[in-house]
Amino acid sequence: MEYRFELGGVPVALKYTVNAMCAIEDNAPGSVADLPEKEYTAARLLLWGGMLHAHPDLTLSEAGDMIDGHIARGGSLEEVAERCLEGLRRCGFVS
C-alpha cells in the first residue's frame, strides 16, 4: 500500500517494505532506536526509504532537499515526520 500526499508542492508516494526498512536501518547512524533523538536525520531517512520503491536512485541529500522545499513553503519538519509515520502505519510497520 502507498500513502500519497504533497510535500513542498511535489506529489509524494511513500511505500514502506521490508527492503525499504532494511535500507533505512543500513543508513541510520547507530541504532534505529536512537533515531527519535535525531529528528532531522529520522525525517530524512524515513522520507527517503519510503520513496525508494518509485525512485530507486533518490539520494538522501535529495530527500533532504525536498524537506527544505517543504519548510521554505511554510511547512515544518514535524509535518514530514507525521506523514512518514502515517505511511508506516498504512504499510503495517507501526500501529
PDB file of N, CA and C in Angstrom:
ATOM      1  N   MET A   1       0.828  -1.171   0.000  1.00  0.00           N
ATOM      2  CA  MET A   1       0.000   0.000   0.000  1.00  0.00           C
ATOM      3  C   MET A   1       0.876   1.240   0.000  1.00  0.00           C
ATOM      4  N   GLU A   2       0.452   2.239  -0.714  1.00  0.00           N
ATOM      5  CA  GLU A   2       1.153   3.515  -0.762  1.00  0.00           C
ATOM      6  C   GLU A   2       0.375   4.564   0.024  1.00  0.00           C
ATOM      7  N   TYR A   3       1.099   5.535   0.528  1.00  0.00           N
ATOM      8  CA  TYR A   3       0.498   6.690   1.185  1.00  0.00           C
ATOM      9  C   TYR A   3       0.919   7.905   0.364  1.00  0.00           C
ATOM     10  N   ARG A   4      -0.068   8.592  -0.220  1.00  0.00           N
ATOM     11  CA  ARG A   4       0.203   9.738  -1.101  1.00  0.00           C
ATOM     12  C   ARG A   4      -0.155  11.055  -0.429  1.00  0.00           C
ATOM     13  N   PHE A   5       0.694  12.055  -0.661  1.00  0.00           N
ATOM     14  CA  PHE A   5       0.463  13.405  -0.160  1.00  0.00           C
ATOM     15  C   PHE A   5       1.356  14.355  -0.943  1.00  0.00           C
ATOM     16  N   GLU A   6       1.272  15.642  -0.643  1.00  0.00           N
ATOM     17  CA  GLU A   6       2.108  16.638  -1.309  1.00  0.00           C
ATOM     18  C   GLU A   6       3.104  17.189  -0.294  1.00  0.00           C
ATOM     19  N   LEU A   7       4.337  17.336  -0.725  1.00  0.00           N
ATOM     20  CA  LEU A   7       5.398  17.841   0.142  1.00  0.00           C
ATOM     21  C   LEU A   7       6.131  18.956  -0.585  1.00  0.00           C
ATOM     22  N   GLY A   8       5.988  20.179  -0.092  1.00  0.00           N
ATOM     23  CA  GLY A   8       6.644  21.311  -0.737  1.00  0.00           C
ATOM     24  C   GLY A   8       6.207  21.499  -2.172  1.00  0.00           C
ATOM     25  N   GLY A   9       4.945  21.192  -2.456  1.00  0.00           N
ATOM     26  CA  GLY A   9       4.420  21.345  -3.808  1.00  0.00           C
ATOM     27  C   GLY A   9       4.708  20.180  -4.733  1.00  0.00           C
ATOM     28  N   VAL A  10       5.327  19.125  -4.207  1.00  0.00           N
ATOM     29  CA  VAL A  10       5.690  17.960  -5.016  1.00  0.00           C
ATOM     30  C   VAL A  10       4.875  16.750  -4.544  1.00  0.00           C
ATOM     31  N   PRO A  11       4.216  16.031  -5.478  1.00  0.00           N
ATOM     32  CA  PRO A  11       3.499  14.828  -5.048  1.00  0.00           C
ATOM     33  C   PRO A  11       4.472  13.740  -4.595  1.00  0.00           C
ATOM     34  N   VAL A  12       4.127  13.086  -3.494  1.00  0.00           N
ATOM     35  CA  VAL A  12       4.973  12.049  -2.911  1.00  0.00           C
ATOM     36  C   VAL A  12       4.119  10.805  -2.669  1.00  0.00           C
ATOM     37  N   ALA A  13       4.688   9.656  -2.950  1.00  0.00           N
ATOM     38  CA  ALA A  13       4.043   8.384  -2.624  1.00  0.00           C
ATOM     39  C   ALA A  13       5.029   7.566  -1.801  1.00  0.00           C
ATOM     40  N   LEU A  14       4.669   7.312  -0.565  1.00  0.00           N
ATOM     41  CA  LEU A  14       5.516   6.501   0.305  1.00  0.00           C
ATOM     42  C   LEU A  14       5.019   5.068   0.294  1.00  0.00           C
ATOM     43  N   LYS A  15       5.955   4.148   0.207  1.00  0.00           N
ATOM     44  CA  LYS A  15       5.631   2.730   0.303  1.00  0.00           C
ATOM     45  C   LYS A  15       6.748   2.069   1.106  1.00  0.00           C
ATOM     46  N   TYR A  16       6.407   1.667   2.313  1.00  0.00           N
ATOM     47  CA  TYR A  16       7.384   1.022   3.165  1.00  0.00           C
ATOM     48  C   TYR A  16       7.276  -0.486   2.992  1.00  0.00           C
ATOM     49  N   THR A  17       8.414  -1.112   2.750  1.00  0.00           N
ATOM     50  CA  THR A  17       8.524  -2.552   2.577  1.00  0.00           C
ATOM     51  C   THR A  17       9.668  -3.039   3.470  1.00  0.00           C
ATOM     52  N   VAL A  18       9.835  -4.333   3.554  1.00  0.00           N
ATOM     53  CA  VAL A  18      10.963  -4.869   4.322  1.00  0.00           C
ATOM     54  C   VAL A  18      12.271  -4.336   3.739  1.00  0.00           C
ATOM     55  N   ASN A  19      12.383  -4.315   2.416  1.00  0.00           N
ATOM     56  CA  ASN A  19      13.613  -3.799   1.795  1.00  0.00           C
ATOM     57  C   ASN A  19      13.821  -2.322   2.115  1.00  0.00           C
ATOM     58  N   ALA A  20      12.749  -1.554   2.122  1.00  0.00           N
ATOM     59  CA  ALA A  20      12.865  -0.134   2.470  1.00  0.00           C
ATOM     60  C   ALA A  20      13.324   0.017   3.914  1.00  0.00           C
ATOM     61  N   MET A  21      12.751  -0.792   4.800  1.00  0.00           N
ATOM     62  CA  MET A  21      13.127  -0.710   6.208  1.00  0.00           C
ATOM     63  C   MET A  21      14.583  -1.124   6.411  1.00  0.00           C
ATOM     64  N   CYS A  22      15.045  -2.119   5.658  1.00  0.00           N
ATOM     65  CA  CYS A  22      16.458  -2.529   5.728  1.00  0.00           C
ATOM     66  C   CYS A  22      17.366  -1.400   5.237  1.00  0.00           C
ATOM     67  N   ALA A  23      16.973  -0.727   4.172  1.00  0.00           N
ATOM     68  CA  ALA A  23      17.767   0.397   3.659  1.00  0.00           C
ATOM     69  C   ALA A  23      17.843   1.504   4.700  1.00  0.00           C
ATOM     70  N   ILE A  24      16.733   1.757   5.378  1.00  0.00           N
ATOM     71  CA  ILE A  24      16.727   2.771   6.436  1.00  0.00           C
ATOM     72  C   ILE A  24      17.680   2.352   7.549  1.00  0.00           C
ATOM     73  N   GLU A  25      17.574   1.092   7.991  1.00  0.00           N
ATOM     74  CA  GLU A  25      18.482   0.600   9.041  1.00  0.00           C
ATOM     75  C   GLU A  25      19.943   0.682   8.607  1.00  0.00           C
ATOM     76  N   ASP A  26      20.212   0.302   7.358  1.00  0.00           N
ATOM     77  CA  ASP A  26      21.589   0.308   6.858  1.00  0.00           C
ATOM     78  C   ASP A  26      22.181   1.717   6.815  1.00  0.00           C
ATOM     79  N   ASN A  27      21.340   2.726   6.682  1.00  0.00           N
ATOM     80  CA  ASN A  27      21.821   4.105   6.566  1.00  0.00           C
ATOM     81  C   ASN A  27      21.666   4.912   7.840  1.00  0.00           C
ATOM     82  N   ALA A  28      21.087   4.306   8.863  1.00  0.00           N
ATOM     83  CA  ALA A  28      20.908   5.013  10.132  1.00  0.00           C
ATOM     84  C   ALA A  28      22.244   5.087  10.875  1.00  0.00           C
ATOM     85  N   PRO A  29      22.536   6.251  11.416  1.00  0.00           N
ATOM     86  CA  PRO A  29      23.755   6.365  12.222  1.00  0.00           C
ATOM     87  C   PRO A  29      23.509   5.719  13.583  1.00  0.00           C
ATOM     88  N   GLY A  30      24.094   4.592  13.814  1.00  0.00           N
ATOM     89  CA  GLY A  30      23.859   3.869  15.059  1.00  0.00           C
ATOM     90  C   GLY A  30      22.590   3.048  14.962  1.00  0.00           C
ATOM     91  N   SER A  31      21.904   2.913  16.052  1.00  0.00           N
ATOM     92  CA  SER A  31      20.691   2.104  16.124  1.00  0.00           C
ATOM     93  C   SER A  31      19.475   2.883  15.626  1.00  0.00           C
ATOM     94  N   VAL A  32      18.548   2.190  14.971  1.00  0.00           N
ATOM     95  CA  VAL A  32      17.300   2.823  14.546  1.00  0.00           C
ATOM     96  C   VAL A  32      16.523   3.309  15.765  1.00  0.00           C
ATOM     97  N   ALA A  33      16.678   2.624  16.884  1.00  0.00           N
ATOM     98  CA  ALA A  33      16.005   3.031  18.118  1.00  0.00           C
ATOM     99  C   ALA A  33      16.442   4.424  18.567  1.00  0.00           C
ATOM    100  N   ASP A  34      17.633   4.866  18.154  1.00  0.00           N
ATOM    101  CA  ASP A  34      18.140   6.186  18.528  1.00  0.00           C
ATOM    102  C   ASP A  34      17.636   7.296  17.608  1.00  0.00           C
ATOM    103  N   LEU A  35      16.983   6.938  16.506  1.00  0.00           N
ATOM    104  CA  LEU A  35      16.548   7.945  15.535  1.00  0.00           C
ATOM    105  C   LEU A  35      15.638   9.024  16.110  1.00  0.00           C
ATOM    106  N   PRO A  36      14.701   8.700  16.999  1.00  0.00           N
ATOM    107  CA  PRO A  36      13.846   9.777  17.512  1.00  0.00           C
ATOM    108  C   PRO A  36      14.616  10.936  18.144  1.00  0.00           C
ATOM    109  N   GLU A  37      15.814  10.666  18.617  1.00  0.00           N
ATOM    110  CA  GLU A  37      16.640  11.722  19.190  1.00  0.00           C
ATOM    111  C   GLU A  37      17.295  12.585  18.112  1.00  0.00           C
ATOM    112  N   LYS A  38      17.285  12.106  16.881  1.00  0.00           N
ATOM    113  CA  LYS A  38      17.894  12.823  15.752  1.00  0.00           C
ATOM    114  C   LYS A  38      16.790  13.141  14.757  1.00  0.00           C
ATOM    115  N   GLU A  39      15.962  14.131  15.087  1.00  0.00           N
ATOM    116  CA  GLU A  39      14.739  14.362  14.329  1.00  0.00           C
ATOM    117  C   GLU A  39      14.971  14.692  12.859  1.00  0.00           C
ATOM    118  N   TYR A  40      15.999  15.441  12.525  1.00  0.00           N
ATOM    119  CA  TYR A  40      16.260  15.765  11.119  1.00  0.00           C
ATOM    120  C   TYR A  40      16.696  14.522  10.355  1.00  0.00           C
ATOM    121  N   THR A  41      17.594  13.763  10.953  1.00  0.00           N
ATOM    122  CA  THR A  41      18.062  12.526  10.334  1.00  0.00           C
ATOM    123  C   THR A  41      16.919  11.538  10.162  1.00  0.00           C
ATOM    124  N   ALA A  42      16.087  11.417  11.192  1.00  0.00           N
ATOM    125  CA  ALA A  42      14.962  10.486  11.138  1.00  0.00           C
ATOM    126  C   ALA A  42      13.989  10.859  10.030  1.00  0.00           C
ATOM    127  N   ALA A  43      13.615  12.131   9.934  1.00  0.00           N
ATOM    128  CA  ALA A  43      12.660  12.564   8.904  1.00  0.00           C
ATOM    129  C   ALA A  43      13.233  12.323   7.513  1.00  0.00           C
ATOM    130  N   ARG A  44      14.490  12.664   7.322  1.00  0.00           N
ATOM    131  CA  ARG A  44      15.104  12.486   6.003  1.00  0.00           C
ATOM    132  C   ARG A  44      15.203  11.009   5.635  1.00  0.00           C
ATOM    133  N   LEU A  45      15.642  10.169   6.564  1.00  0.00           N
ATOM    134  CA  LEU A  45      15.756   8.732   6.293  1.00  0.00           C
ATOM    135  C   LEU A  45      14.400   8.095   6.005  1.00  0.00           C
ATOM    136  N   LEU A  46      13.390   8.441   6.790  1.00  0.00           N
ATOM    137  CA  LEU A  46      12.068   7.847   6.590  1.00  0.00           C
ATOM    138  C   LEU A  46      11.442   8.289   5.276  1.00  0.00           C
ATOM    139  N   LEU A  47      11.614   9.559   4.918  1.00  0.00           N
ATOM    140  CA  LEU A  47      11.097  10.030   3.637  1.00  0.00           C
ATOM    141  C   LEU A  47      11.805   9.306   2.499  1.00  0.00           C
ATOM    142  N   TRP A  48      13.117   9.271   2.547  1.00  0.00           N
ATOM    143  CA  TRP A  48      13.932   8.605   1.524  1.00  0.00           C
ATOM    144  C   TRP A  48      13.560   7.134   1.381  1.00  0.00           C
ATOM    145  N   GLY A  49      13.509   6.419   2.510  1.00  0.00           N
ATOM    146  CA  GLY A  49      13.212   4.990   2.471  1.00  0.00           C
ATOM    147  C   GLY A  49      11.837   4.698   1.891  1.00  0.00           C
ATOM    148  N   GLY A  50      10.869   5.523   2.243  1.00  0.00           N
ATOM    149  CA  GLY A  50       9.523   5.328   1.733  1.00  0.00           C
ATOM    150  C   GLY A  50       9.376   5.615   0.255  1.00  0.00           C
ATOM    151  N   MET A  51      10.278   6.424  -0.280  1.00  0.00           N
ATOM    152  CA  MET A  51      10.202   6.790  -1.698  1.00  0.00           C
ATOM    153  C   MET A  51      11.023   5.872  -2.603  1.00  0.00           C
ATOM    154  N   LEU A  52      11.832   4.998  -2.030  1.00  0.00           N
ATOM    155  CA  LEU A  52      12.739   4.170  -2.829  1.00  0.00           C
ATOM    156  C   LEU A  52      12.033   3.285  -3.849  1.00  0.00           C
ATOM    157  N   HIS A  53      10.841   2.808  -3.539  1.00  0.00           N
ATOM    158  CA  HIS A  53      10.141   1.916  -4.473  1.00  0.00           C
ATOM    159  C   HIS A  53       9.892   2.595  -5.817  1.00  0.00           C
ATOM    160  N   ALA A  54       9.537   3.874  -5.778  1.00  0.00           N
ATOM    161  CA  ALA A  54       9.233   4.606  -7.013  1.00  0.00           C
ATOM    162  C   ALA A  54      10.440   5.365  -7.561  1.00  0.00           C
ATOM    163  N   HIS A  55      11.396   5.648  -6.685  1.00  0.00           N
ATOM    164  CA  HIS A  55      12.577   6.437  -7.075  1.00  0.00           C
ATOM    165  C   HIS A  55      13.843   5.769  -6.538  1.00  0.00           C
ATOM    166  N   PRO A  56      14.237   4.633  -7.111  1.00  0.00           N
ATOM    167  CA  PRO A  56      15.373   3.884  -6.560  1.00  0.00           C
ATOM    168  C   PRO A  56      16.702   4.632  -6.609  1.00  0.00           C
ATOM    169  N   ASP A  57      16.803   5.673  -7.421  1.00  0.00           N
ATOM    170  CA  ASP A  57      18.043   6.434  -7.496  1.00  0.00           C
ATOM    171  C   ASP A  57      18.041   7.679  -6.604  1.00  0.00           C
ATOM    172  N   LEU A  58      16.955   7.885  -5.848  1.00  0.00           N
ATOM    173  CA  LEU A  58      16.863   9.035  -4.957  1.00  0.00           C
ATOM    174  C   LEU A  58      17.972   8.963  -3.911  1.00  0.00           C
ATOM    175  N   THR A  59      18.627  10.079  -3.674  1.00  0.00           N
ATOM    176  CA  THR A  59      19.678  10.123  -2.656  1.00  0.00           C
ATOM    177  C   THR A  59      19.125  10.709  -1.361  1.00  0.00           C
ATOM    178  N   LEU A  60      19.819  10.451  -0.283  1.00  0.00           N
ATOM    179  CA  LEU A  60      19.435  11.058   0.987  1.00  0.00           C
ATOM    180  C   LEU A  60      19.478  12.576   0.896  1.00  0.00           C
ATOM    181  N   SER A  61      20.460  13.095   0.198  1.00  0.00           N
ATOM    182  CA  SER A  61      20.581  14.541   0.030  1.00  0.00           C
ATOM    183  C   SER A  61      19.368  15.111  -0.712  1.00  0.00           C
ATOM    184  N   GLU A  62      18.904  14.406  -1.721  1.00  0.00           N
ATOM    185  CA  GLU A  62      17.720  14.866  -2.464  1.00  0.00           C
ATOM    186  C   GLU A  62      16.471  14.823  -1.586  1.00  0.00           C
ATOM    187  N   ALA A  63      16.371  13.811  -0.735  1.00  0.00           N
ATOM    188  CA  ALA A  63      15.248  13.761   0.209  1.00  0.00           C
ATOM    189  C   ALA A  63      15.318  14.953   1.159  1.00  0.00           C
ATOM    190  N   GLY A  64      16.510  15.292   1.593  1.00  0.00           N
ATOM    191  CA  GLY A  64      16.693  16.473   2.440  1.00  0.00           C
ATOM    192  C   GLY A  64      16.303  17.743   1.711  1.00  0.00           C
ATOM    193  N   ASP A  65      16.622  17.832   0.425  1.00  0.00           N
ATOM    194  CA  ASP A  65      16.230  18.997  -0.370  1.00  0.00           C
ATOM    195  C   ASP A  65      14.710  19.118  -0.453  1.00  0.00           C
ATOM    196  N   MET A  66      14.029  17.985  -0.534  1.00  0.00           N
ATOM    197  CA  MET A  66      12.561  18.007  -0.563  1.00  0.00           C
ATOM    198  C   MET A  66      12.007  18.556   0.748  1.00  0.00           C
ATOM    199  N   ILE A  67      12.627  18.165   1.852  1.00  0.00           N
ATOM    200  CA  ILE A  67      12.197  18.683   3.153  1.00  0.00           C
ATOM    201  C   ILE A  67      12.468  20.179   3.223  1.00  0.00           C
ATOM    202  N   ASP A  68      13.622  20.612   2.727  1.00  0.00           N
ATOM    203  CA  ASP A  68      13.929  22.047   2.695  1.00  0.00           C
ATOM    204  C   ASP A  68      12.866  22.810   1.909  1.00  0.00           C
ATOM    205  N   GLY A  69      12.448  22.252   0.763  1.00  0.00           N
ATOM    206  CA  GLY A  69      11.418  22.894  -0.051  1.00  0.00           C
ATOM    207  C   GLY A  69      10.099  22.997   0.689  1.00  0.00           C
ATOM    208  N   HIS A  70       9.763  21.958   1.427  1.00  0.00           N
ATOM    209  CA  HIS A  70       8.536  21.957   2.219  1.00  0.00           C
ATOM    210  C   HIS A  70       8.589  23.042   3.297  1.00  0.00           C
ATOM    211  N   ILE A  71       9.712  23.124   3.986  1.00  0.00           N
ATOM    212  CA  ILE A  71       9.881  24.128   5.044  1.00  0.00           C
ATOM    213  C   ILE A  71       9.870  25.530   4.444  1.00  0.00           C
ATOM    214  N   ALA A  72      10.494  25.706   3.283  1.00  0.00           N
ATOM    215  CA  ALA A  72      10.525  27.024   2.628  1.00  0.00           C
ATOM    216  C   ALA A  72       9.121  27.492   2.240  1.00  0.00           C
ATOM    217  N   ARG A  73       8.208  26.550   2.026  1.00  0.00           N
ATOM    218  CA  ARG A  73       6.823  26.894   1.678  1.00  0.00           C
ATOM    219  C   ARG A  73       5.940  27.032   2.918  1.00  0.00           C
ATOM    220  N   GLY A  74       6.559  27.092   4.077  1.00  0.00           N
ATOM    221  CA  GLY A  74       5.803  27.282   5.309  1.00  0.00           C
ATOM    222  C   GLY A  74       5.487  26.011   6.066  1.00  0.00           C
ATOM    223  N   GLY A  75       5.958  24.872   5.584  1.00  0.00           N
ATOM    224  CA  GLY A  75       5.736  23.605   6.275  1.00  0.00           C
ATOM    225  C   GLY A  75       6.733  23.422   7.402  1.00  0.00           C
ATOM    226  N   SER A  76       6.628  22.291   8.068  1.00  0.00           N
ATOM    227  CA  SER A  76       7.524  22.035   9.194  1.00  0.00           C
ATOM    228  C   SER A  76       8.111  20.635   9.110  1.00  0.00           C
ATOM    229  N   LEU A  77       9.191  20.441   9.812  1.00  0.00           N
ATOM    230  CA  LEU A  77       9.824  19.132   9.922  1.00  0.00           C
ATOM    231  C   LEU A  77       8.872  18.147  10.589  1.00  0.00           C
ATOM    232  N   GLU A  78       8.115  18.633  11.568  1.00  0.00           N
ATOM    233  CA  GLU A  78       7.163  17.778  12.267  1.00  0.00           C
ATOM    234  C   GLU A  78       6.111  17.218  11.311  1.00  0.00           C
ATOM    235  N   GLU A  79       5.664  18.031  10.347  1.00  0.00           N
ATOM    236  CA  GLU A  79       4.697  17.549   9.358  1.00  0.00           C
ATOM    237  C   GLU A  79       5.281  16.409   8.525  1.00  0.00           C
ATOM    238  N   VAL A  80       6.535  16.543   8.151  1.00  0.00           N
ATOM    239  CA  VAL A  80       7.198  15.486   7.378  1.00  0.00           C
ATOM    240  C   VAL A  80       7.235  14.209   8.202  1.00  0.00           C
ATOM    241  N   ALA A  81       7.654  14.326   9.452  1.00  0.00           N
ATOM    242  CA  ALA A  81       7.733  13.155  10.327  1.00  0.00           C
ATOM    243  C   ALA A  81       6.359  12.520  10.521  1.00  0.00           C
ATOM    244  N   GLU A  82       5.323  13.334  10.692  1.00  0.00           N
ATOM    245  CA  GLU A  82       3.962  12.813  10.864  1.00  0.00           C
ATOM    246  C   GLU A  82       3.492  12.080   9.614  1.00  0.00           C
ATOM    247  N   ARG A  83       3.810  12.600   8.453  1.00  0.00           N
ATOM    248  CA  ARG A  83       3.399  11.940   7.212  1.00  0.00           C
ATOM    249  C   ARG A  83       4.135  10.606   7.041  1.00  0.00           C
ATOM    250  N   CYS A  84       5.407  10.593   7.383  1.00  0.00           N
ATOM    251  CA  CYS A  84       6.160   9.333   7.300  1.00  0.00           C
ATOM    252  C   CYS A  84       5.595   8.312   8.283  1.00  0.00           C
ATOM    253  N   LEU A  85       5.261   8.756   9.485  1.00  0.00           N
ATOM    254  CA  LEU A  85       4.680   7.853  10.471  1.00  0.00           C
ATOM    255  C   LEU A  85       3.339   7.305   9.977  1.00  0.00           C
ATOM    256  N   GLU A  86       2.532   8.154   9.343  1.00  0.00           N
ATOM    257  CA  GLU A  86       1.263   7.689   8.790  1.00  0.00           C
ATOM    258  C   GLU A  86       1.517   6.664   7.675  1.00  0.00           C
ATOM    259  N   GLY A  87       2.534   6.898   6.858  1.00  0.00           N
ATOM    260  CA  GLY A  87       2.890   5.929   5.820  1.00  0.00           C
ATOM    261  C   GLY A  87       3.295   4.597   6.425  1.00  0.00           C
ATOM    262  N   LEU A  88       4.087   4.639   7.493  1.00  0.00           N
ATOM    263  CA  LEU A  88       4.488   3.413   8.188  1.00  0.00           C
ATOM    264  C   LEU A  88       3.270   2.680   8.748  1.00  0.00           C
ATOM    265  N   ARG A  89       2.312   3.430   9.293  1.00  0.00           N
ATOM    266  CA  ARG A  89       1.083   2.811   9.811  1.00  0.00           C
ATOM    267  C   ARG A  89       0.311   2.117   8.685  1.00  0.00           C
ATOM    268  N   ARG A  90       0.114   2.838   7.599  1.00  0.00           N
ATOM    269  CA  ARG A  90      -0.685   2.308   6.492  1.00  0.00           C
ATOM    270  C   ARG A  90      -0.026   1.101   5.830  1.00  0.00           C
ATOM    271  N   CYS A  91       1.294   1.028   5.907  1.00  0.00           N
ATOM    272  CA  CYS A  91       2.000  -0.107   5.332  1.00  0.00           C
ATOM    273  C   CYS A  91       2.186  -1.233   6.340  1.00  0.00           C
ATOM    274  N   GLY A  92       1.685  -1.046   7.555  1.00  0.00           N
ATOM    275  CA  GLY A  92       1.684  -2.112   8.540  1.00  0.00           C
ATOM    276  C   GLY A  92       2.947  -2.251   9.380  1.00  0.00           C
ATOM    277  N   PHE A  93       3.795  -1.231   9.390  1.00  0.00           N
ATOM    278  CA  PHE A  93       5.041  -1.359  10.156  1.00  0.00           C
ATOM    279  C   PHE A  93       4.959  -0.784  11.572  1.00  0.00           C
ATOM    280  N   VAL A  94       3.962   0.031  11.838  1.00  0.00           N
ATOM    281  CA  VAL A  94       3.701   0.503  13.199  1.00  0.00           C
ATOM    282  C   VAL A  94       2.191   0.526  13.394  1.00  0.00           C
ATOM    283  N   SER A  95       1.775   0.478  14.647  1.00  0.00           N
ATOM    284  CA  SER A  95       0.330   0.523  14.893  1.00  0.00           C
ATOM    285  C   SER A  95      -0.057   1.796  15.603  1.00  0.00           C
TER     286      SER A  95
END
